[in-house]
PDB file of N, CA and C in Angstrom:
ATOM      1  N   MET A   1      42.705 -69.304   3.639  1.00  0.00           N
ATOM      2  CA  MET A   1      42.767 -69.493   5.107  1.00  0.00           C
ATOM      3  C   MET A   1      43.906 -70.314   5.400  1.00  0.00           C
ATOM      4  N   ILE A   2      44.894 -69.813   6.250  1.00  0.00           N
ATOM      5  CA  ILE A   2      45.989 -70.630   6.708  1.00  0.00           C
ATOM      6  C   ILE A   2      45.718 -71.245   8.035  1.00  0.00           C
ATOM      7  N   LEU A   3      45.827 -72.588   8.152  1.00  0.00           N
ATOM      8  CA  LEU A   3      45.495 -73.263   9.396  1.00  0.00           C
ATOM      9  C   LEU A   3      46.872 -73.902   9.959  1.00  0.00           C
ATOM     10  N   VAL A   4      47.215 -73.537  11.139  1.00  0.00           N
ATOM     11  CA  VAL A   4      48.566 -74.133  11.615  1.00  0.00           C
ATOM     12  C   VAL A   4      48.270 -74.461  13.118  1.00  0.00           C
ATOM     13  N   ASN A   5      49.131 -75.421  13.567  1.00  0.00           N
ATOM     14  CA  ASN A   5      49.064 -75.768  15.058  1.00  0.00           C
ATOM     15  C   ASN A   5      50.194 -75.059  15.808  1.00  0.00           C
ATOM     16  N   THR A   6      50.881 -74.044  15.172  1.00  0.00           N
ATOM     17  CA  THR A   6      51.939 -73.256  15.930  1.00  0.00           C
ATOM     18  C   THR A   6      51.204 -71.865  16.293  1.00  0.00           C
ATOM     19  N   ASP A   7      51.892 -71.224  17.090  1.00  0.00           N
ATOM     20  CA  ASP A   7      51.296 -69.890  17.547  1.00  0.00           C
ATOM     21  C   ASP A   7      51.729 -68.764  16.699  1.00  0.00           C
ATOM     22  N   TYR A   8      52.308 -68.984  15.512  1.00  0.00           N
ATOM     23  CA  TYR A   8      52.639 -67.992  14.619  1.00  0.00           C
ATOM     24  C   TYR A   8      52.584 -68.644  13.154  1.00  0.00           C
ATOM     25  N   ILE A   9      52.613 -67.665  12.196  1.00  0.00           N
ATOM     26  CA  ILE A   9      52.673 -67.967  10.785  1.00  0.00           C
ATOM     27  C   ILE A   9      53.895 -67.336  10.246  1.00  0.00           C
ATOM     28  N   SER A  10      54.773 -67.998   9.793  1.00  0.00           N
ATOM     29  CA  SER A  10      56.154 -67.531   9.315  1.00  0.00           C
ATOM     30  C   SER A  10      55.976 -66.352   8.341  1.00  0.00           C
ATOM     31  N   GLY A  11      56.672 -65.221   8.673  1.00  0.00           N
ATOM     32  CA  GLY A  11      56.611 -64.006   7.891  1.00  0.00           C
ATOM     33  C   GLY A  11      55.396 -63.126   8.024  1.00  0.00           C
ATOM     34  N   LYS A  12      54.449 -63.486   8.904  1.00  0.00           N
ATOM     35  CA  LYS A  12      53.306 -62.657   9.132  1.00  0.00           C
ATOM     36  C   LYS A  12      53.253 -62.161  10.491  1.00  0.00           C
ATOM     37  N   GLU A  13      52.844 -60.889  10.577  1.00  0.00           N
ATOM     38  CA  GLU A  13      52.549 -60.166  11.771  1.00  0.00           C
ATOM     39  C   GLU A  13      51.047 -60.366  12.031  1.00  0.00           C
ATOM     40  N   LEU A  14      50.591 -60.875  13.243  1.00  0.00           N
ATOM     41  CA  LEU A  14      49.178 -61.188  13.366  1.00  0.00           C
ATOM     42  C   LEU A  14      48.521 -60.343  14.408  1.00  0.00           C
ATOM     43  N   GLU A  15      47.289 -60.158  14.117  1.00  0.00           N
ATOM     44  CA  GLU A  15      46.353 -59.469  14.989  1.00  0.00           C
ATOM     45  C   GLU A  15      45.344 -60.589  15.464  1.00  0.00           C
ATOM     46  N   THR A  16      45.200 -60.714  16.779  1.00  0.00           N
ATOM     47  CA  THR A  16      44.221 -61.769  17.382  1.00  0.00           C
ATOM     48  C   THR A  16      42.761 -61.298  17.246  1.00  0.00           C
ATOM     49  N   LEU A  17      41.978 -62.160  16.685  1.00  0.00           N
ATOM     50  CA  LEU A  17      40.569 -61.771  16.575  1.00  0.00           C
ATOM     51  C   LEU A  17      39.638 -62.526  17.679  1.00  0.00           C
ATOM     52  N   GLY A  18      40.088 -63.607  17.940  1.00  0.00           N
ATOM     53  CA  GLY A  18      39.273 -64.447  18.995  1.00  0.00           C
ATOM     54  C   GLY A  18      39.326 -65.958  18.744  1.00  0.00           C
ATOM     55  N   LEU A  19      38.556 -66.689  19.418  1.00  0.00           N
ATOM     56  CA  LEU A  19      38.421 -68.124  19.388  1.00  0.00           C
ATOM     57  C   LEU A  19      37.609 -68.484  18.222  1.00  0.00           C
ATOM     58  N   ALA A  20      38.179 -69.462  17.386  1.00  0.00           N
ATOM     59  CA  ALA A  20      37.364 -70.084  16.278  1.00  0.00           C
ATOM     60  C   ALA A  20      37.234 -71.495  16.700  1.00  0.00           C
ATOM     61  N   LYS A  21      36.009 -72.078  16.409  1.00  0.00           N
ATOM     62  CA  LYS A  21      35.798 -73.456  16.815  1.00  0.00           C
ATOM     63  C   LYS A  21      34.795 -74.144  15.799  1.00  0.00           C
ATOM     64  N   GLY A  22      34.875 -75.382  15.887  1.00  0.00           N
ATOM     65  CA  GLY A  22      33.980 -76.252  15.008  1.00  0.00           C
ATOM     66  C   GLY A  22      33.815 -77.578  15.660  1.00  0.00           C
ATOM     67  N   SER A  23      32.704 -78.232  15.523  1.00  0.00           N
ATOM     68  CA  SER A  23      32.590 -79.473  16.089  1.00  0.00           C
ATOM     69  C   SER A  23      31.515 -80.340  15.331  1.00  0.00           C
ATOM     70  N   THR A  24      31.590 -81.685  15.598  1.00  0.00           N
ATOM     71  CA  THR A  24      30.560 -82.574  15.047  1.00  0.00           C
ATOM     72  C   THR A  24      30.512 -83.765  15.981  1.00  0.00           C
ATOM     73  N   VAL A  25      29.361 -84.445  15.910  1.00  0.00           N
ATOM     74  CA  VAL A  25      29.108 -85.683  16.630  1.00  0.00           C
ATOM     75  C   VAL A  25      28.834 -86.745  15.485  1.00  0.00           C
ATOM     76  N   GLN A  26      29.597 -87.834  15.534  1.00  0.00           N
ATOM     77  CA  GLN A  26      29.457 -88.707  14.433  1.00  0.00           C
ATOM     78  C   GLN A  26      29.245 -90.215  15.121  1.00  0.00           C
ATOM     79  N   SER A  27      28.637 -91.033  14.290  1.00  0.00           N
ATOM     80  CA  SER A  27      28.426 -92.419  14.694  1.00  0.00           C
ATOM     81  C   SER A  27      28.420 -93.241  13.397  1.00  0.00           C
ATOM     82  N   LYS A  28      28.548 -94.461  13.555  1.00  0.00           N
ATOM     83  CA  LYS A  28      28.483 -95.454  12.407  1.00  0.00           C
ATOM     84  C   LYS A  28      27.180 -96.119  12.369  1.00  0.00           C
ATOM     85  N   ASN A  29      26.752 -96.617  11.242  1.00  0.00           N
ATOM     86  CA  ASN A  29      25.464 -97.239  11.226  1.00  0.00           C
ATOM     87  C   ASN A  29      25.472 -98.618  11.887  1.00  0.00           C
ATOM     88  N   PHE A  30      24.338 -99.145  12.243  1.00  0.00           N
ATOM     89  CA  PHE A  30      24.166-100.400  13.089  1.00  0.00           C
ATOM     90  C   PHE A  30      24.964-101.587  12.526  1.00  0.00           C
ATOM     91  N   ALA A  31      24.901-101.769  11.208  1.00  0.00           N
ATOM     92  CA  ALA A  31      25.655-102.866  10.544  1.00  0.00           C
ATOM     93  C   ALA A  31      27.164-102.693  10.776  1.00  0.00           C
ATOM     94  N   LYS A  32      27.631-101.547  10.649  1.00  0.00           N
ATOM     95  CA  LYS A  32      29.149-101.253  10.850  1.00  0.00           C
ATOM     96  C   LYS A  32      29.464-101.488  12.319  1.00  0.00           C
ATOM     97  N   ASP A  33      28.506-101.053  13.261  1.00  0.00           N
ATOM     98  CA  ASP A  33      28.861-101.291  14.619  1.00  0.00           C
ATOM     99  C   ASP A  33      29.018-102.728  15.014  1.00  0.00           C
ATOM    100  N   ILE A  34      28.196-103.665  14.360  1.00  0.00           N
ATOM    101  CA  ILE A  34      28.255-105.057  14.592  1.00  0.00           C
ATOM    102  C   ILE A  34      29.532-105.578  14.116  1.00  0.00           C
ATOM    103  N   THR A  35      29.835-105.238  12.900  1.00  0.00           N
ATOM    104  CA  THR A  35      31.212-105.789  12.352  1.00  0.00           C
ATOM    105  C   THR A  35      32.406-105.369  13.082  1.00  0.00           C
ATOM    106  N   GLN A  36      32.335-104.106  13.579  1.00  0.00           N
ATOM    107  CA  GLN A  36      33.449-103.556  14.387  1.00  0.00           C
ATOM    108  C   GLN A  36      33.527-104.201  15.708  1.00  0.00           C
ATOM    109  N   SER A  37      32.345-104.528  16.374  1.00  0.00           N
ATOM    110  CA  SER A  37      32.329-105.164  17.635  1.00  0.00           C
ATOM    111  C   SER A  37      32.920-106.527  17.527  1.00  0.00           C
ATOM    112  N   VAL A  38      32.654-107.215  16.494  1.00  0.00           N
ATOM    113  CA  VAL A  38      33.277-108.576  16.245  1.00  0.00           C
ATOM    114  C   VAL A  38      34.766-108.497  16.144  1.00  0.00           C
ATOM    115  N   LYS A  39      35.138-107.496  15.343  1.00  0.00           N
ATOM    116  CA  LYS A  39      36.668-107.198  15.194  1.00  0.00           C
ATOM    117  C   LYS A  39      37.390-106.917  16.422  1.00  0.00           C
ATOM    118  N   SER A  40      36.635-106.208  17.386  1.00  0.00           N
ATOM    119  CA  SER A  40      37.313-105.809  18.602  1.00  0.00           C
ATOM    120  C   SER A  40      37.618-107.004  19.496  1.00  0.00           C
ATOM    121  N   PHE A  41      36.936-108.245  19.212  1.00  0.00           N
ATOM    122  CA  PHE A  41      37.210-109.388  19.939  1.00  0.00           C
ATOM    123  C   PHE A  41      38.504-110.056  19.464  1.00  0.00           C
ATOM    124  N   VAL A  42      38.955-109.951  18.237  1.00  0.00           N
ATOM    125  CA  VAL A  42      40.088-110.547  17.657  1.00  0.00           C
ATOM    126  C   VAL A  42      41.254-109.601  17.618  1.00  0.00           C
ATOM    127  N   GLY A  43      41.065-108.331  17.767  1.00  0.00           N
ATOM    128  CA  GLY A  43      42.056-107.335  17.777  1.00  0.00           C
ATOM    129  C   GLY A  43      42.340-106.732  16.401  1.00  0.00           C
ATOM    130  N   GLY A  44      43.155-105.708  16.377  1.00  0.00           N
ATOM    131  CA  GLY A  44      43.438-105.023  15.114  1.00  0.00           C
ATOM    132  C   GLY A  44      42.771-103.672  14.925  1.00  0.00           C
ATOM    133  N   GLU A  45      43.110-102.987  13.910  1.00  0.00           N
ATOM    134  CA  GLU A  45      42.571-101.730  13.742  1.00  0.00           C
ATOM    135  C   GLU A  45      41.107-101.816  13.299  1.00  0.00           C
ATOM    136  N   LEU A  46      40.275-100.861  13.953  1.00  0.00           N
ATOM    137  CA  LEU A  46      38.922-100.850  13.594  1.00  0.00           C
ATOM    138  C   LEU A  46      38.751 -99.735  12.445  1.00  0.00           C
ATOM    139  N   LYS A  47      38.956-100.180  11.230  1.00  0.00           N
ATOM    140  CA  LYS A  47      39.121 -99.229  10.123  1.00  0.00           C
ATOM    141  C   LYS A  47      37.812 -98.407   9.955  1.00  0.00           C
ATOM    142  N   SER A  48      36.651 -98.962  10.111  1.00  0.00           N
ATOM    143  CA  SER A  48      35.454 -98.176  10.028  1.00  0.00           C
ATOM    144  C   SER A  48      35.400 -96.995  10.956  1.00  0.00           C
ATOM    145  N   TYR A  49      35.880 -97.231  12.201  1.00  0.00           N
ATOM    146  CA  TYR A  49      35.883 -96.217  13.212  1.00  0.00           C
ATOM    147  C   TYR A  49      37.045 -95.219  12.914  1.00  0.00           C
ATOM    148  N   THR A  50      38.181 -95.695  12.416  1.00  0.00           N
ATOM    149  CA  THR A  50      39.279 -94.804  12.056  1.00  0.00           C
ATOM    150  C   THR A  50      38.762 -93.798  10.938  1.00  0.00           C
ATOM    151  N   ALA A  51      38.092 -94.351   9.983  1.00  0.00           N
ATOM    152  CA  ALA A  51      37.436 -93.537   8.887  1.00  0.00           C
ATOM    153  C   ALA A  51      36.518 -92.525   9.421  1.00  0.00           C
ATOM    154  N   MET A  52      35.641 -93.049  10.389  1.00  0.00           N
ATOM    155  CA  MET A  52      34.632 -92.131  10.971  1.00  0.00           C
ATOM    156  C   MET A  52      35.350 -90.955  11.718  1.00  0.00           C
ATOM    157  N   MET A  53      36.445 -91.180  12.462  1.00  0.00           N
ATOM    158  CA  MET A  53      37.101 -90.144  13.242  1.00  0.00           C
ATOM    159  C   MET A  53      37.838 -89.196  12.228  1.00  0.00           C
ATOM    160  N   ASN A  54      38.388 -89.726  11.229  1.00  0.00           N
ATOM    161  CA  ASN A  54      39.041 -88.818  10.120  1.00  0.00           C
ATOM    162  C   ASN A  54      37.989 -87.909   9.551  1.00  0.00           C
ATOM    163  N   GLU A  55      36.812 -88.475   9.162  1.00  0.00           N
ATOM    164  CA  GLU A  55      35.790 -87.597   8.664  1.00  0.00           C
ATOM    165  C   GLU A  55      35.339 -86.574   9.654  1.00  0.00           C
ATOM    166  N   ALA A  56      35.194 -86.921  10.951  1.00  0.00           N
ATOM    167  CA  ALA A  56      34.831 -86.071  11.954  1.00  0.00           C
ATOM    168  C   ALA A  56      35.731 -84.881  12.097  1.00  0.00           C
ATOM    169  N   ARG A  57      37.198 -85.171  12.111  1.00  0.00           N
ATOM    170  CA  ARG A  57      38.122 -84.154  12.253  1.00  0.00           C
ATOM    171  C   ARG A  57      38.084 -83.249  11.163  1.00  0.00           C
ATOM    172  N   ASP A  58      37.918 -83.720   9.830  1.00  0.00           N
ATOM    173  CA  ASP A  58      37.835 -82.973   8.637  1.00  0.00           C
ATOM    174  C   ASP A  58      36.722 -82.078   8.829  1.00  0.00           C
ATOM    175  N   LEU A  59      35.472 -82.521   9.178  1.00  0.00           N
ATOM    176  CA  LEU A  59      34.372 -81.674   9.301  1.00  0.00           C
ATOM    177  C   LEU A  59      34.512 -80.620  10.400  1.00  0.00           C
ATOM    178  N   ALA A  60      35.024 -81.029  11.507  1.00  0.00           N
ATOM    179  CA  ALA A  60      35.275 -80.083  12.591  1.00  0.00           C
ATOM    180  C   ALA A  60      36.218 -78.937  12.186  1.00  0.00           C
ATOM    181  N   THR A  61      37.257 -79.260  11.443  1.00  0.00           N
ATOM    182  CA  THR A  61      38.278 -78.394  10.885  1.00  0.00           C
ATOM    183  C   THR A  61      37.557 -77.323   9.972  1.00  0.00           C
ATOM    184  N   LYS A  62      36.758 -78.001   9.043  1.00  0.00           N
ATOM    185  CA  LYS A  62      36.152 -77.095   8.106  1.00  0.00           C
ATOM    186  C   LYS A  62      35.121 -76.034   8.808  1.00  0.00           C
ATOM    187  N   ARG A  63      34.450 -76.519   9.826  1.00  0.00           N
ATOM    188  CA  ARG A  63      33.492 -75.667  10.570  1.00  0.00           C
ATOM    189  C   ARG A  63      34.244 -74.571  11.266  1.00  0.00           C
ATOM    190  N   MET A  64      35.459 -74.990  11.875  1.00  0.00           N
ATOM    191  CA  MET A  64      36.375 -74.040  12.588  1.00  0.00           C
ATOM    192  C   MET A  64      36.761 -72.932  11.618  1.00  0.00           C
ATOM    193  N   ALA A  65      37.199 -73.296  10.405  1.00  0.00           N
ATOM    194  CA  ALA A  65      37.637 -72.330   9.377  1.00  0.00           C
ATOM    195  C   ALA A  65      36.525 -71.412   8.989  1.00  0.00           C
ATOM    196  N   GLU A  66      35.293 -71.933   8.844  1.00  0.00           N
ATOM    197  CA  GLU A  66      34.122 -71.076   8.618  1.00  0.00           C
ATOM    198  C   GLU A  66      33.916 -70.139   9.697  1.00  0.00           C
ATOM    199  N   ASP A  67      33.994 -70.628  10.933  1.00  0.00           N
ATOM    200  CA  ASP A  67      33.782 -69.760  12.092  1.00  0.00           C
ATOM    201  C   ASP A  67      34.804 -68.560  12.117  1.00  0.00           C
ATOM    202  N   ALA A  68      36.081 -68.992  11.792  1.00  0.00           N
ATOM    203  CA  ALA A  68      37.096 -67.921  11.713  1.00  0.00           C
ATOM    204  C   ALA A  68      36.844 -66.938  10.542  1.00  0.00           C
ATOM    205  N   ALA A  69      36.285 -67.414   9.468  1.00  0.00           N
ATOM    206  CA  ALA A  69      36.102 -66.494   8.245  1.00  0.00           C
ATOM    207  C   ALA A  69      34.925 -65.496   8.730  1.00  0.00           C
ATOM    208  N   LYS A  70      33.937 -65.902   9.570  1.00  0.00           N
ATOM    209  CA  LYS A  70      32.958 -65.106  10.021  1.00  0.00           C
ATOM    210  C   LYS A  70      33.569 -63.849  10.819  1.00  0.00           C
ATOM    211  N   LEU A  71      34.676 -64.181  11.407  1.00  0.00           N
ATOM    212  CA  LEU A  71      35.413 -63.076  12.238  1.00  0.00           C
ATOM    213  C   LEU A  71      36.243 -62.265  11.403  1.00  0.00           C
ATOM    214  N   GLY A  72      36.364 -62.599  10.100  1.00  0.00           N
ATOM    215  CA  GLY A  72      37.214 -61.869   9.227  1.00  0.00           C
ATOM    216  C   GLY A  72      38.679 -62.265   9.234  1.00  0.00           C
ATOM    217  N   ALA A  73      38.868 -63.545   9.679  1.00  0.00           N
ATOM    218  CA  ALA A  73      40.297 -64.055   9.824  1.00  0.00           C
ATOM    219  C   ALA A  73      40.956 -64.396   8.510  1.00  0.00           C
ATOM    220  N   ASP A  74      42.287 -64.215   8.554  1.00  0.00           N
ATOM    221  CA  ASP A  74      42.994 -64.808   7.412  1.00  0.00           C
ATOM    222  C   ASP A  74      43.652 -66.177   7.744  1.00  0.00           C
ATOM    223  N   GLY A  75      43.580 -66.562   8.986  1.00  0.00           N
ATOM    224  CA  GLY A  75      44.134 -67.872   9.461  1.00  0.00           C
ATOM    225  C   GLY A  75      43.713 -68.224  10.893  1.00  0.00           C
ATOM    226  N   VAL A  76      44.054 -69.337  11.298  1.00  0.00           N
ATOM    227  CA  VAL A  76      43.894 -69.797  12.578  1.00  0.00           C
ATOM    228  C   VAL A  76      45.144 -70.491  13.056  1.00  0.00           C
ATOM    229  N   VAL A  77      45.595 -70.030  14.203  1.00  0.00           N
ATOM    230  CA  VAL A  77      46.862 -70.499  14.774  1.00  0.00           C
ATOM    231  C   VAL A  77      46.534 -71.370  16.047  1.00  0.00           C
ATOM    232  N   ASN A  78      47.555 -72.112  16.462  1.00  0.00           N
ATOM    233  CA  ASN A  78      47.459 -72.933  17.619  1.00  0.00           C
ATOM    234  C   ASN A  78      46.253 -73.825  17.710  1.00  0.00           C
ATOM    235  N   ILE A  79      46.052 -74.484  16.609  1.00  0.00           N
ATOM    236  CA  ILE A  79      44.859 -75.372  16.464  1.00  0.00           C
ATOM    237  C   ILE A  79      45.013 -76.590  17.279  1.00  0.00           C
ATOM    238  N   ARG A  80      43.960 -77.007  17.961  1.00  0.00           N
ATOM    239  CA  ARG A  80      43.898 -78.172  18.863  1.00  0.00           C
ATOM    240  C   ARG A  80      42.735 -78.976  18.479  1.00  0.00           C
ATOM    241  N   TYR A  81      42.730 -80.200  18.824  1.00  0.00           N
ATOM    242  CA  TYR A  81      41.648 -81.175  18.652  1.00  0.00           C
ATOM    243  C   TYR A  81      41.317 -81.876  19.912  1.00  0.00           C
ATOM    244  N   ALA A  82      40.069 -82.099  20.184  1.00  0.00           N
ATOM    245  CA  ALA A  82      39.582 -82.881  21.341  1.00  0.00           C
ATOM    246  C   ALA A  82      38.474 -83.783  20.975  1.00  0.00           C
ATOM    247  N   SER A  83      38.341 -84.927  21.610  1.00  0.00           N
ATOM    248  CA  SER A  83      37.206 -85.817  21.256  1.00  0.00           C
ATOM    249  C   SER A  83      36.707 -86.376  22.513  1.00  0.00           C
ATOM    250  N   SER A  84      35.463 -86.809  22.572  1.00  0.00           N
ATOM    251  CA  SER A  84      34.941 -87.390  23.753  1.00  0.00           C
ATOM    252  C   SER A  84      33.726 -88.343  23.203  1.00  0.00           C
ATOM    253  N   ALA A  85      33.533 -89.361  24.065  1.00  0.00           N
ATOM    254  CA  ALA A  85      32.317 -90.225  23.717  1.00  0.00           C
ATOM    255  C   ALA A  85      31.079 -89.541  24.298  1.00  0.00           C
ATOM    256  N   ILE A  86      30.109 -89.504  23.403  1.00  0.00           N
ATOM    257  CA  ILE A  86      28.799 -88.879  23.763  1.00  0.00           C
ATOM    258  C   ILE A  86      27.852 -89.875  24.238  1.00  0.00           C
ATOM    259  N   MET A  87      27.858 -91.066  23.568  1.00  0.00           N
ATOM    260  CA  MET A  87      27.051 -92.198  23.866  1.00  0.00           C
ATOM    261  C   MET A  87      27.773 -93.470  23.245  1.00  0.00           C
ATOM    262  N   PRO A  88      27.338 -94.630  23.602  1.00  0.00           N
ATOM    263  CA  PRO A  88      28.062 -95.758  22.986  1.00  0.00           C
ATOM    264  C   PRO A  88      28.029 -95.623  21.437  1.00  0.00           C
ATOM    265  N   ASN A  89      29.195 -95.818  20.843  1.00  0.00           N
ATOM    266  CA  ASN A  89      29.400 -95.773  19.392  1.00  0.00           C
ATOM    267  C   ASN A  89      29.177 -94.380  18.719  1.00  0.00           C
ATOM    268  N   ALA A  90      29.221 -93.330  19.547  1.00  0.00           N
ATOM    269  CA  ALA A  90      29.133 -91.807  18.981  1.00  0.00           C
ATOM    270  C   ALA A  90      30.184 -91.046  19.634  1.00  0.00           C
ATOM    271  N   ALA A  91      30.848 -90.221  18.924  1.00  0.00           N
ATOM    272  CA  ALA A  91      31.986 -89.327  19.424  1.00  0.00           C
ATOM    273  C   ALA A  91      31.814 -88.003  19.011  1.00  0.00           C
ATOM    274  N   GLU A  92      32.063 -87.000  19.763  1.00  0.00           N
ATOM    275  CA  GLU A  92      32.176 -85.661  19.335  1.00  0.00           C
ATOM    276  C   GLU A  92      33.642 -85.337  19.125  1.00  0.00           C
ATOM    277  N   VAL A  93      33.907 -84.579  18.120  1.00  0.00           N
ATOM    278  CA  VAL A  93      35.241 -84.069  17.833  1.00  0.00           C
ATOM    279  C   VAL A  93      35.154 -82.544  17.745  1.00  0.00           C
ATOM    280  N   ILE A  94      36.035 -81.830  18.382  1.00  0.00           N
ATOM    281  CA  ILE A  94      36.054 -80.385  18.389  1.00  0.00           C
ATOM    282  C   ILE A  94      37.397 -79.960  17.946  1.00  0.00           C
ATOM    283  N   ALA A  95      37.412 -78.951  16.972  1.00  0.00           N
ATOM    284  CA  ALA A  95      38.635 -78.283  16.633  1.00  0.00           C
ATOM    285  C   ALA A  95      38.482 -76.866  17.054  1.00  0.00           C
ATOM    286  N   TYR A  96      39.695 -76.295  17.555  1.00  0.00           N
ATOM    287  CA  TYR A  96      39.542 -74.947  17.975  1.00  0.00           C
ATOM    288  C   TYR A  96      40.915 -74.347  17.903  1.00  0.00           C
ATOM    289  N   GLY A  97      40.954 -73.004  17.735  1.00  0.00           N
ATOM    290  CA  GLY A  97      42.202 -72.341  17.733  1.00  0.00           C
ATOM    291  C   GLY A  97      41.985 -70.770  17.765  1.00  0.00           C
ATOM    292  N   THR A  98      42.954 -69.921  17.567  1.00  0.00           N
ATOM    293  CA  THR A  98      42.878 -68.538  17.668  1.00  0.00           C
ATOM    294  C   THR A  98      42.773 -68.016  16.187  1.00  0.00           C
ATOM    295  N   ALA A  99      41.719 -67.317  15.906  1.00  0.00           N
ATOM    296  CA  ALA A  99      41.508 -66.678  14.631  1.00  0.00           C
ATOM    297  C   ALA A  99      42.360 -65.434  14.641  1.00  0.00           C
ATOM    298  N   VAL A 100      43.061 -65.269  13.470  1.00  0.00           N
ATOM    299  CA  VAL A 100      44.035 -64.097  13.320  1.00  0.00           C
ATOM    300  C   VAL A 100      43.904 -63.402  12.035  1.00  0.00           C
ATOM    301  N   LYS A 101      44.156 -62.153  11.946  1.00  0.00           N
ATOM    302  CA  LYS A 101      44.173 -61.319  10.731  1.00  0.00           C
ATOM    303  C   LYS A 101      45.682 -60.855  10.528  1.00  0.00           C
ATOM    304  N   PHE A 102      46.075 -60.827   9.232  1.00  0.00           N
ATOM    305  CA  PHE A 102      47.428 -60.440   8.947  1.00  0.00           C
ATOM    306  C   PHE A 102      47.424 -58.877   9.109  1.00  0.00           C
ATOM    307  N   LYS A 103      48.371 -58.302   9.731  1.00  0.00           N
ATOM    308  CA  LYS A 103      48.688 -56.883   9.817  1.00  0.00           C
ATOM    309  C   LYS A 103      49.302 -56.308   8.505  1.00  0.00           C
TER     310      LYS A 103
END
């Protein structure tokens, strides 16, 4: 499965199959939330939350690729990501793009 954020794949003629998407909602455990809250007072990177968002993007991307595979896709083009707060200390990440098949 080829995943790109461009609207083409070099050297391939593409047939559009439809929207492929994947999402997840993630949060950190209570202990991590406390340590990160303290860190936010003094400034700097909240590494625990950075790791959480990286894990969330990876999982959303994996789920998007699985969704595309169900459509019979060879790849996904024009991939985009979005995130939003669902509740305090929890975020949704969605990955979406156009599932394509090589002609």
